[in-house]
Amino acid sequence: MSYFTEPIYFSSIILGSLYHADHLSRAMYQRIADIEDLPQQFTLNRPLLSGISNAEARQPGKAPNFSVNWTVGDQALEVVNATTGKDDMGRPSRLCKHALYSRWVRLHTKLSSILRIKVPKPSSYHEAKQAAAEYHSAKKALIKAFHKAGLGAWVKKPIEQDQFTLSS
C-alpha cells in the first residue's frame, strides 16, 4: 500500500479481555522506544490503549480456533478457521495474501497513471513487496531496534510463500 498512501496508524486499541495497561504498552511500543533512522513519513506510534469496563476473567485453556474480521464495505463478518485460514465453505479468507494482492494489482492498474508511479506493474507478490523501498527501510530500522533492545532476531518465512502470481 505504500505505493499509494502514507502510513496508516491506529489512534486507539481496545481489548475485550485480558487487558493490562503496562503489558500492552510494552508490547505495542515501549520495547522499541529508541528506534532510529525511520524514513520521514514513518513514526513510532503510541495509540491510546484501553480495555472494556466489564472485562471477563481469564479462562485458562486453549485459544479459540477461529478468527473474525470485518471492514467498512463488507456485507458481513467473516469467520475463519485459524488453522486452515479458510471459511466454513473452504474458501480462503478475504484477508489472505492472494486476495489482498489481487486487490492491490487492480488498484495499481487504476492509479499508476494518475499517481505517475514509475515502477512497472510487478509480476509477483514478492516483486511488489520488494519494490516498496521506504517500507523496507522502516522494516530495517525496526529490526535494528529489536536487536538493540535484545529482543531477538526477526523470523523470516520461506521466500517461496511470497513468490506467487495472479492468473489472468
N, C-alpha and C. Protein backbone atom coordinates (compact mmCIF):
# COMPACT_ATOMS: atom_id res chain seq x y z
N MET A 1 0.81 -1.20 0.00
CA MET A 1 0.00 0.00 0.00
C MET A 1 0.85 1.26 0.00
N SER A 2 2.11 1.14 0.38
CA SER A 2 2.94 2.34 0.44
C SER A 2 3.17 2.96 -0.94
N TYR A 3 2.81 2.25 -1.99
CA TYR A 3 2.84 2.84 -3.33
C TYR A 3 1.82 3.98 -3.43
N PHE A 4 0.70 3.84 -2.71
CA PHE A 4 -0.44 4.73 -2.90
C PHE A 4 -0.74 5.65 -1.73
N THR A 5 -0.36 5.27 -0.53
CA THR A 5 -0.74 6.06 0.65
C THR A 5 0.44 6.22 1.59
N GLU A 6 0.31 7.19 2.47
CA GLU A 6 1.26 7.32 3.56
C GLU A 6 0.89 6.29 4.61
N PRO A 7 1.78 6.04 5.57
CA PRO A 7 1.46 5.05 6.61
C PRO A 7 0.15 5.38 7.33
N ILE A 8 -0.55 4.34 7.71
CA ILE A 8 -1.81 4.47 8.45
C ILE A 8 -1.56 3.99 9.87
N TYR A 9 -1.96 4.79 10.84
CA TYR A 9 -1.71 4.46 12.24
C TYR A 9 -3.02 4.35 13.01
N PHE A 10 -3.06 3.39 13.94
CA PHE A 10 -4.20 3.28 14.85
C PHE A 10 -4.17 4.46 15.81
N SER A 11 -5.34 5.06 16.08
CA SER A 11 -5.40 6.11 17.09
C SER A 11 -5.70 5.51 18.46
N SER A 12 -6.33 4.34 18.47
CA SER A 12 -6.61 3.66 19.74
C SER A 12 -6.71 2.16 19.52
N ILE A 13 -6.47 1.41 20.59
CA ILE A 13 -6.61 -0.04 20.59
C ILE A 13 -7.36 -0.40 21.85
N ILE A 14 -8.47 -1.12 21.70
CA ILE A 14 -9.28 -1.53 22.84
C ILE A 14 -9.35 -3.05 22.87
N LEU A 15 -8.96 -3.63 23.99
CA LEU A 15 -9.01 -5.08 24.14
C LEU A 15 -10.28 -5.47 24.89
N GLY A 16 -10.91 -6.54 24.43
CA GLY A 16 -12.13 -7.02 25.06
C GLY A 16 -11.87 -7.84 26.30
N SER A 17 -10.69 -8.38 26.44
CA SER A 17 -10.37 -9.16 27.63
C SER A 17 -8.87 -9.21 27.82
N LEU A 18 -8.46 -9.59 29.01
CA LEU A 18 -7.05 -9.75 29.37
C LEU A 18 -6.24 -8.47 29.14
N TYR A 19 -6.85 -7.31 29.40
CA TYR A 19 -6.16 -6.04 29.23
C TYR A 19 -5.32 -5.73 30.47
N HIS A 20 -4.07 -5.40 30.25
CA HIS A 20 -3.18 -4.92 31.30
C HIS A 20 -2.38 -3.78 30.69
N ALA A 21 -2.58 -2.56 31.19
CA ALA A 21 -2.01 -1.36 30.58
C ALA A 21 -0.50 -1.45 30.36
N ASP A 22 0.25 -1.85 31.39
CA ASP A 22 1.71 -1.91 31.26
C ASP A 22 2.15 -2.95 30.24
N HIS A 23 1.50 -4.11 30.26
CA HIS A 23 1.88 -5.18 29.32
C HIS A 23 1.60 -4.77 27.88
N LEU A 24 0.42 -4.18 27.65
CA LEU A 24 0.06 -3.80 26.28
C LEU A 24 0.94 -2.68 25.76
N SER A 25 1.21 -1.67 26.56
CA SER A 25 2.06 -0.57 26.08
C SER A 25 3.48 -1.07 25.82
N ARG A 26 3.97 -1.99 26.64
CA ARG A 26 5.30 -2.55 26.40
C ARG A 26 5.31 -3.34 25.09
N ALA A 27 4.26 -4.10 24.86
CA ALA A 27 4.18 -4.91 23.63
C ALA A 27 4.02 -4.03 22.39
N MET A 28 3.29 -2.93 22.49
CA MET A 28 2.98 -2.12 21.32
C MET A 28 4.10 -1.14 20.93
N TYR A 29 4.79 -0.54 21.93
CA TYR A 29 5.78 0.47 21.55
C TYR A 29 6.93 0.69 22.53
N GLN A 30 6.79 0.38 23.79
CA GLN A 30 7.86 0.72 24.73
C GLN A 30 9.17 -0.01 24.46
N ARG A 31 9.09 -1.24 24.01
CA ARG A 31 10.31 -2.02 23.77
C ARG A 31 11.19 -1.43 22.68
N ILE A 32 10.59 -0.67 21.78
CA ILE A 32 11.36 -0.09 20.68
C ILE A 32 11.32 1.44 20.72
N ALA A 33 11.17 1.99 21.91
CA ALA A 33 11.06 3.45 22.07
C ALA A 33 12.28 4.19 21.51
N ASP A 34 13.42 3.52 21.44
CA ASP A 34 14.65 4.16 20.95
C ASP A 34 14.90 3.90 19.46
N ILE A 35 13.87 3.56 18.72
CA ILE A 35 14.04 3.28 17.29
C ILE A 35 14.63 4.51 16.59
N GLU A 36 15.55 4.26 15.67
CA GLU A 36 16.24 5.34 14.94
C GLU A 36 16.15 5.10 13.44
N ASP A 37 16.41 6.15 12.70
CA ASP A 37 16.56 6.09 11.24
C ASP A 37 15.30 5.66 10.50
N LEU A 38 14.13 6.01 11.02
CA LEU A 38 12.90 5.73 10.28
C LEU A 38 12.80 6.70 9.11
N PRO A 39 12.31 6.25 7.97
CA PRO A 39 12.07 7.19 6.86
C PRO A 39 11.13 8.30 7.33
N GLN A 40 11.19 9.43 6.67
CA GLN A 40 10.49 10.64 7.11
C GLN A 40 9.00 10.45 7.40
N GLN A 41 8.30 9.69 6.57
CA GLN A 41 6.85 9.56 6.76
C GLN A 41 6.46 8.54 7.83
N PHE A 42 7.44 7.85 8.42
CA PHE A 42 7.16 6.85 9.46
C PHE A 42 7.47 7.42 10.83
N THR A 43 6.73 6.94 11.84
CA THR A 43 6.97 7.36 13.22
C THR A 43 6.62 6.22 14.16
N LEU A 44 7.18 6.25 15.35
CA LEU A 44 6.79 5.28 16.37
C LEU A 44 5.44 5.73 16.90
N ASN A 45 4.42 4.95 16.64
CA ASN A 45 3.05 5.30 17.02
C ASN A 45 2.76 4.87 18.45
N ARG A 46 2.10 5.75 19.18
CA ARG A 46 1.69 5.44 20.56
C ARG A 46 0.19 5.67 20.67
N PRO A 47 -0.61 4.69 20.23
CA PRO A 47 -2.07 4.87 20.28
C PRO A 47 -2.60 4.82 21.71
N LEU A 48 -3.79 5.35 21.90
CA LEU A 48 -4.48 5.25 23.18
C LEU A 48 -4.82 3.78 23.39
N LEU A 49 -4.48 3.25 24.56
CA LEU A 49 -4.71 1.83 24.87
C LEU A 49 -5.74 1.74 25.98
N SER A 50 -6.70 0.82 25.81
CA SER A 50 -7.75 0.69 26.80
C SER A 50 -8.34 -0.71 26.78
N GLY A 51 -9.03 -1.02 27.86
CA GLY A 51 -9.79 -2.26 27.94
C GLY A 51 -11.25 -1.91 28.15
N ILE A 52 -12.13 -2.86 27.97
CA ILE A 52 -13.55 -2.59 28.19
C ILE A 52 -13.83 -2.61 29.69
N SER A 53 -14.92 -1.97 30.10
CA SER A 53 -15.19 -1.80 31.53
C SER A 53 -15.61 -3.08 32.24
N ASN A 54 -16.21 -4.01 31.54
CA ASN A 54 -16.61 -5.26 32.20
C ASN A 54 -15.87 -6.46 31.60
N ALA A 55 -14.56 -6.37 31.64
CA ALA A 55 -13.73 -7.43 31.05
C ALA A 55 -13.96 -8.76 31.75
N GLU A 56 -13.96 -9.81 30.95
CA GLU A 56 -14.15 -11.15 31.51
C GLU A 56 -12.88 -11.62 32.20
N ALA A 57 -13.05 -12.53 33.14
CA ALA A 57 -11.91 -13.09 33.84
C ALA A 57 -11.14 -14.02 32.90
N ARG A 58 -9.86 -14.16 33.15
CA ARG A 58 -9.02 -15.03 32.33
C ARG A 58 -9.50 -16.46 32.46
N GLN A 59 -9.66 -17.12 31.32
CA GLN A 59 -10.07 -18.52 31.28
C GLN A 59 -8.89 -19.34 30.80
N PRO A 60 -8.20 -20.03 31.71
CA PRO A 60 -7.06 -20.84 31.27
C PRO A 60 -7.54 -21.90 30.28
N GLY A 61 -6.71 -22.19 29.34
CA GLY A 61 -7.07 -23.21 28.35
C GLY A 61 -6.64 -22.79 26.97
N LYS A 62 -7.15 -23.50 26.02
CA LYS A 62 -6.77 -23.29 24.63
C LYS A 62 -7.45 -22.05 24.04
N ALA A 63 -6.71 -21.35 23.20
CA ALA A 63 -7.26 -20.19 22.50
C ALA A 63 -8.28 -20.67 21.46
N PRO A 64 -9.20 -19.79 21.07
CA PRO A 64 -10.19 -20.18 20.06
C PRO A 64 -9.51 -20.58 18.75
N ASN A 65 -10.15 -21.47 18.01
CA ASN A 65 -9.57 -21.93 16.74
C ASN A 65 -10.17 -21.19 15.55
N PHE A 66 -10.69 -19.99 15.80
CA PHE A 66 -11.26 -19.20 14.72
C PHE A 66 -10.92 -17.73 14.94
N SER A 67 -11.04 -16.96 13.86
CA SER A 67 -10.91 -15.51 13.96
C SER A 67 -12.07 -14.89 13.20
N VAL A 68 -12.38 -13.66 13.53
CA VAL A 68 -13.48 -12.95 12.90
C VAL A 68 -12.94 -11.62 12.38
N ASN A 69 -13.31 -11.26 11.15
CA ASN A 69 -12.89 -9.96 10.61
C ASN A 69 -14.04 -9.28 9.90
N TRP A 70 -13.95 -7.97 9.84
CA TRP A 70 -14.93 -7.15 9.15
C TRP A 70 -14.30 -5.79 8.92
N THR A 71 -14.58 -5.20 7.77
CA THR A 71 -14.17 -3.83 7.49
C THR A 71 -15.33 -3.09 6.85
N VAL A 72 -15.25 -1.78 6.85
CA VAL A 72 -16.28 -0.96 6.21
C VAL A 72 -16.39 -1.40 4.76
N GLY A 73 -17.60 -1.61 4.30
CA GLY A 73 -17.83 -2.06 2.93
C GLY A 73 -18.11 -3.54 2.82
N ASP A 74 -17.74 -4.32 3.84
CA ASP A 74 -18.03 -5.76 3.83
C ASP A 74 -19.51 -5.98 4.13
N GLN A 75 -20.10 -6.95 3.47
CA GLN A 75 -21.51 -7.28 3.69
C GLN A 75 -21.73 -7.91 5.07
N ALA A 76 -20.78 -8.74 5.49
CA ALA A 76 -20.97 -9.48 6.74
C ALA A 76 -19.63 -9.77 7.39
N LEU A 77 -19.68 -10.27 8.61
CA LEU A 77 -18.48 -10.75 9.28
C LEU A 77 -17.95 -11.96 8.52
N GLU A 78 -16.65 -12.16 8.57
CA GLU A 78 -16.06 -13.37 8.01
C GLU A 78 -15.46 -14.15 9.17
N VAL A 79 -15.89 -15.40 9.33
CA VAL A 79 -15.35 -16.28 10.36
C VAL A 79 -14.39 -17.23 9.67
N VAL A 80 -13.14 -17.25 10.16
CA VAL A 80 -12.08 -18.01 9.50
C VAL A 80 -11.50 -19.03 10.47
N ASN A 81 -11.31 -20.25 9.98
CA ASN A 81 -10.64 -21.28 10.75
C ASN A 81 -9.19 -20.86 10.92
N ALA A 82 -8.74 -20.73 12.16
CA ALA A 82 -7.39 -20.23 12.43
C ALA A 82 -6.30 -21.19 11.98
N THR A 83 -6.62 -22.46 11.84
CA THR A 83 -5.64 -23.45 11.40
C THR A 83 -5.48 -23.46 9.89
N THR A 84 -6.60 -23.41 9.17
CA THR A 84 -6.56 -23.52 7.71
C THR A 84 -6.55 -22.17 7.00
N GLY A 85 -7.03 -21.12 7.66
CA GLY A 85 -7.14 -19.81 7.02
C GLY A 85 -8.32 -19.72 6.07
N LYS A 86 -9.25 -20.68 6.17
CA LYS A 86 -10.40 -20.71 5.26
C LYS A 86 -11.70 -20.56 6.03
N ASP A 87 -12.75 -20.14 5.31
CA ASP A 87 -14.06 -20.01 5.95
C ASP A 87 -14.76 -21.37 5.99
N ASP A 88 -15.99 -21.40 6.47
CA ASP A 88 -16.70 -22.67 6.63
C ASP A 88 -17.08 -23.33 5.30
N MET A 89 -16.95 -22.60 4.19
CA MET A 89 -17.21 -23.16 2.87
C MET A 89 -15.91 -23.62 2.20
N GLY A 90 -14.78 -23.48 2.92
CA GLY A 90 -13.49 -23.91 2.38
C GLY A 90 -12.80 -22.87 1.51
N ARG A 91 -13.34 -21.64 1.48
CA ARG A 91 -12.74 -20.57 0.67
C ARG A 91 -11.65 -19.86 1.47
N PRO A 92 -10.57 -19.44 0.80
CA PRO A 92 -9.54 -18.66 1.50
C PRO A 92 -10.12 -17.35 2.03
N SER A 93 -9.58 -16.86 3.13
CA SER A 93 -10.05 -15.62 3.73
C SER A 93 -9.89 -14.45 2.77
N ARG A 94 -10.76 -13.49 2.89
CA ARG A 94 -10.64 -12.26 2.10
C ARG A 94 -9.42 -11.46 2.54
N LEU A 95 -8.78 -11.85 3.65
CA LEU A 95 -7.57 -11.18 4.12
C LEU A 95 -6.29 -11.96 3.81
N CYS A 96 -6.40 -13.05 3.04
CA CYS A 96 -5.19 -13.82 2.70
C CYS A 96 -4.34 -13.01 1.73
N LYS A 97 -3.06 -13.35 1.63
CA LYS A 97 -2.13 -12.62 0.76
C LYS A 97 -2.61 -12.56 -0.68
N HIS A 98 -3.12 -13.67 -1.19
CA HIS A 98 -3.56 -13.72 -2.58
C HIS A 98 -4.70 -12.74 -2.83
N ALA A 99 -5.68 -12.71 -1.93
CA ALA A 99 -6.83 -11.81 -2.09
C ALA A 99 -6.39 -10.35 -1.98
N LEU A 100 -5.55 -10.04 -1.02
CA LEU A 100 -5.08 -8.67 -0.85
C LEU A 100 -4.21 -8.23 -2.03
N TYR A 101 -3.37 -9.14 -2.54
CA TYR A 101 -2.53 -8.81 -3.69
C TYR A 101 -3.40 -8.58 -4.94
N SER A 102 -4.43 -9.38 -5.09
CA SER A 102 -5.34 -9.21 -6.22
C SER A 102 -5.98 -7.82 -6.19
N ARG A 103 -6.41 -7.38 -5.03
CA ARG A 103 -6.98 -6.03 -4.89
C ARG A 103 -5.91 -4.97 -5.17
N TRP A 104 -4.70 -5.22 -4.68
CA TRP A 104 -3.60 -4.27 -4.88
C TRP A 104 -3.30 -4.10 -6.36
N VAL A 105 -3.27 -5.21 -7.11
CA VAL A 105 -2.99 -5.14 -8.55
C VAL A 105 -4.08 -4.32 -9.26
N ARG A 106 -5.34 -4.53 -8.90
CA ARG A 106 -6.42 -3.74 -9.50
C ARG A 106 -6.23 -2.25 -9.20
N LEU A 107 -5.87 -1.94 -7.97
CA LEU A 107 -5.64 -0.55 -7.57
C LEU A 107 -4.44 0.03 -8.32
N HIS A 108 -3.37 -0.73 -8.44
CA HIS A 108 -2.17 -0.30 -9.16
C HIS A 108 -2.53 0.01 -10.61
N THR A 109 -3.31 -0.85 -11.23
CA THR A 109 -3.71 -0.65 -12.62
C THR A 109 -4.50 0.65 -12.78
N LYS A 110 -5.41 0.92 -11.85
CA LYS A 110 -6.24 2.12 -11.92
C LYS A 110 -5.48 3.40 -11.59
N LEU A 111 -4.56 3.33 -10.63
CA LEU A 111 -3.93 4.55 -10.13
C LEU A 111 -2.54 4.86 -10.66
N SER A 112 -1.88 3.90 -11.28
CA SER A 112 -0.48 4.13 -11.66
C SER A 112 -0.30 5.33 -12.59
N SER A 113 -1.20 5.54 -13.53
CA SER A 113 -1.05 6.69 -14.43
C SER A 113 -1.42 7.99 -13.72
N ILE A 114 -2.42 7.95 -12.86
CA ILE A 114 -2.85 9.14 -12.12
C ILE A 114 -1.76 9.60 -11.16
N LEU A 115 -1.17 8.66 -10.44
CA LEU A 115 -0.15 8.99 -9.44
C LEU A 115 1.26 9.04 -10.02
N ARG A 116 1.36 8.78 -11.31
CA ARG A 116 2.65 8.77 -12.00
C ARG A 116 3.64 7.83 -11.32
N ILE A 117 3.17 6.63 -11.02
CA ILE A 117 4.04 5.62 -10.41
C ILE A 117 5.02 5.16 -11.47
N LYS A 118 6.28 5.28 -11.18
CA LYS A 118 7.32 4.98 -12.16
C LYS A 118 7.70 3.51 -12.19
N VAL A 119 7.30 2.77 -11.17
CA VAL A 119 7.62 1.35 -11.11
C VAL A 119 6.61 0.59 -11.96
N PRO A 120 7.07 -0.25 -12.90
CA PRO A 120 6.11 -1.04 -13.69
C PRO A 120 5.34 -2.01 -12.79
N LYS A 121 4.21 -2.47 -13.29
CA LYS A 121 3.41 -3.41 -12.51
C LYS A 121 4.24 -4.65 -12.20
N PRO A 122 4.41 -4.96 -10.91
CA PRO A 122 5.20 -6.14 -10.54
C PRO A 122 4.55 -7.41 -11.08
N SER A 123 5.39 -8.41 -11.37
CA SER A 123 4.86 -9.66 -11.92
C SER A 123 4.49 -10.66 -10.83
N SER A 124 4.91 -10.40 -9.59
CA SER A 124 4.58 -11.33 -8.50
C SER A 124 4.38 -10.55 -7.20
N TYR A 125 3.79 -11.21 -6.24
CA TYR A 125 3.60 -10.62 -4.91
C TYR A 125 4.95 -10.24 -4.31
N HIS A 126 5.92 -11.12 -4.41
CA HIS A 126 7.26 -10.86 -3.87
C HIS A 126 7.88 -9.62 -4.50
N GLU A 127 7.77 -9.51 -5.82
CA GLU A 127 8.33 -8.37 -6.53
C GLU A 127 7.67 -7.07 -6.08
N ALA A 128 6.36 -7.10 -5.88
CA ALA A 128 5.64 -5.91 -5.40
C ALA A 128 6.13 -5.50 -4.02
N LYS A 129 6.29 -6.48 -3.14
CA LYS A 129 6.76 -6.18 -1.78
C LYS A 129 8.18 -5.60 -1.80
N GLN A 130 9.05 -6.17 -2.62
CA GLN A 130 10.44 -5.73 -2.66
C GLN A 130 10.59 -4.32 -3.21
N ALA A 131 9.66 -3.89 -4.06
CA ALA A 131 9.76 -2.57 -4.68
C ALA A 131 9.34 -1.44 -3.74
N ALA A 132 8.78 -1.76 -2.59
CA ALA A 132 8.34 -0.74 -1.63
C ALA A 132 9.54 -0.31 -0.77
N ALA A 133 10.37 0.57 -1.32
CA ALA A 133 11.66 0.92 -0.71
C ALA A 133 11.53 1.54 0.68
N GLU A 134 10.64 2.51 0.86
CA GLU A 134 10.52 3.16 2.17
C GLU A 134 10.02 2.19 3.22
N TYR A 135 9.10 1.31 2.84
CA TYR A 135 8.61 0.29 3.76
C TYR A 135 9.78 -0.58 4.24
N HIS A 136 10.63 -1.00 3.31
CA HIS A 136 11.76 -1.86 3.68
C HIS A 136 12.78 -1.11 4.53
N SER A 137 12.93 0.18 4.29
CA SER A 137 13.82 0.98 5.12
C SER A 137 13.28 1.06 6.55
N ALA A 138 11.97 1.24 6.70
CA ALA A 138 11.34 1.27 8.03
C ALA A 138 11.44 -0.09 8.70
N LYS A 139 11.25 -1.14 7.94
CA LYS A 139 11.34 -2.50 8.49
C LYS A 139 12.76 -2.77 8.99
N LYS A 140 13.75 -2.31 8.22
CA LYS A 140 15.15 -2.48 8.62
C LYS A 140 15.42 -1.75 9.94
N ALA A 141 14.87 -0.53 10.09
CA ALA A 141 15.04 0.23 11.34
C ALA A 141 14.37 -0.50 12.50
N LEU A 142 13.21 -1.10 12.25
CA LEU A 142 12.50 -1.85 13.30
C LEU A 142 13.31 -3.07 13.73
N ILE A 143 13.83 -3.81 12.78
CA ILE A 143 14.64 -5.00 13.09
C ILE A 143 15.88 -4.60 13.89
N LYS A 144 16.49 -3.48 13.50
CA LYS A 144 17.66 -2.97 14.23
C LYS A 144 17.28 -2.59 15.66
N ALA A 145 16.11 -1.97 15.85
CA ALA A 145 15.64 -1.60 17.20
C ALA A 145 15.37 -2.84 18.04
N PHE A 146 14.80 -3.88 17.44
CA PHE A 146 14.58 -5.14 18.16
C PHE A 146 15.93 -5.70 18.64
N HIS A 147 16.90 -5.72 17.73
CA HIS A 147 18.22 -6.26 18.07
C HIS A 147 18.87 -5.44 19.19
N LYS A 148 18.81 -4.11 19.05
CA LYS A 148 19.42 -3.21 20.04
C LYS A 148 18.78 -3.39 21.42
N ALA A 149 17.48 -3.67 21.46
CA ALA A 149 16.77 -3.86 22.73
C ALA A 149 16.91 -5.29 23.26
N GLY A 150 17.65 -6.13 22.54
CA GLY A 150 17.84 -7.51 22.98
C GLY A 150 16.60 -8.36 22.83
N LEU A 151 15.80 -8.07 21.83
CA LEU A 151 14.52 -8.77 21.64
C LEU A 151 14.61 -9.92 20.64
N GLY A 152 15.81 -10.30 20.26
CA GLY A 152 15.95 -11.45 19.37
C GLY A 152 15.98 -11.06 17.91
N ALA A 153 16.03 -12.07 17.08
CA ALA A 153 16.14 -11.88 15.63
C ALA A 153 14.76 -11.93 14.98
N TRP A 154 14.63 -11.23 13.87
CA TRP A 154 13.41 -11.23 13.09
C TRP A 154 13.28 -12.60 12.42
N VAL A 155 12.15 -13.24 12.58
CA VAL A 155 11.94 -14.56 11.98
C VAL A 155 11.46 -14.36 10.55
N LYS A 156 12.19 -14.94 9.61
CA LYS A 156 11.83 -14.83 8.19
C LYS A 156 11.10 -16.08 7.75
N LYS A 157 10.03 -15.88 7.01
CA LYS A 157 9.29 -17.00 6.45
C LYS A 157 9.96 -17.40 5.14
N PRO A 158 9.73 -18.63 4.69
CA PRO A 158 10.33 -19.06 3.42
C PRO A 158 9.90 -18.14 2.28
N ILE A 159 10.86 -17.72 1.46
CA ILE A 159 10.59 -16.81 0.36
C ILE A 159 9.56 -17.38 -0.62
N GLU A 160 9.51 -18.71 -0.70
CA GLU A 160 8.61 -19.37 -1.66
C GLU A 160 7.15 -18.99 -1.43
N GLN A 161 6.77 -18.71 -0.20
CA GLN A 161 5.36 -18.42 0.05
C GLN A 161 4.92 -17.07 -0.51
N ASP A 162 5.89 -16.22 -0.86
CA ASP A 162 5.56 -14.93 -1.46
C ASP A 162 5.79 -14.89 -2.97
N GLN A 163 6.29 -15.97 -3.54
CA GLN A 163 6.60 -15.97 -4.97
C GLN A 163 5.44 -16.54 -5.78
N PHE A 164 4.31 -15.85 -5.69
CA PHE A 164 3.17 -16.30 -6.49
C PHE A 164 2.71 -15.15 -7.38
N THR A 165 2.04 -15.54 -8.45
CA THR A 165 1.48 -14.57 -9.39
C THR A 165 -0.02 -14.78 -9.45
N LEU A 166 -0.70 -13.85 -10.08
CA LEU A 166 -2.14 -13.98 -10.27
C LEU A 166 -2.40 -14.52 -11.66
N SER A 167 -3.27 -15.49 -11.76
CA SER A 167 -3.62 -15.99 -13.09
C SER A 167 -4.61 -15.03 -13.72
N SER A 168 -4.47 -14.82 -15.00
CA SER A 168 -5.31 -13.83 -15.71
C SER A 168 -6.73 -14.26 -15.85
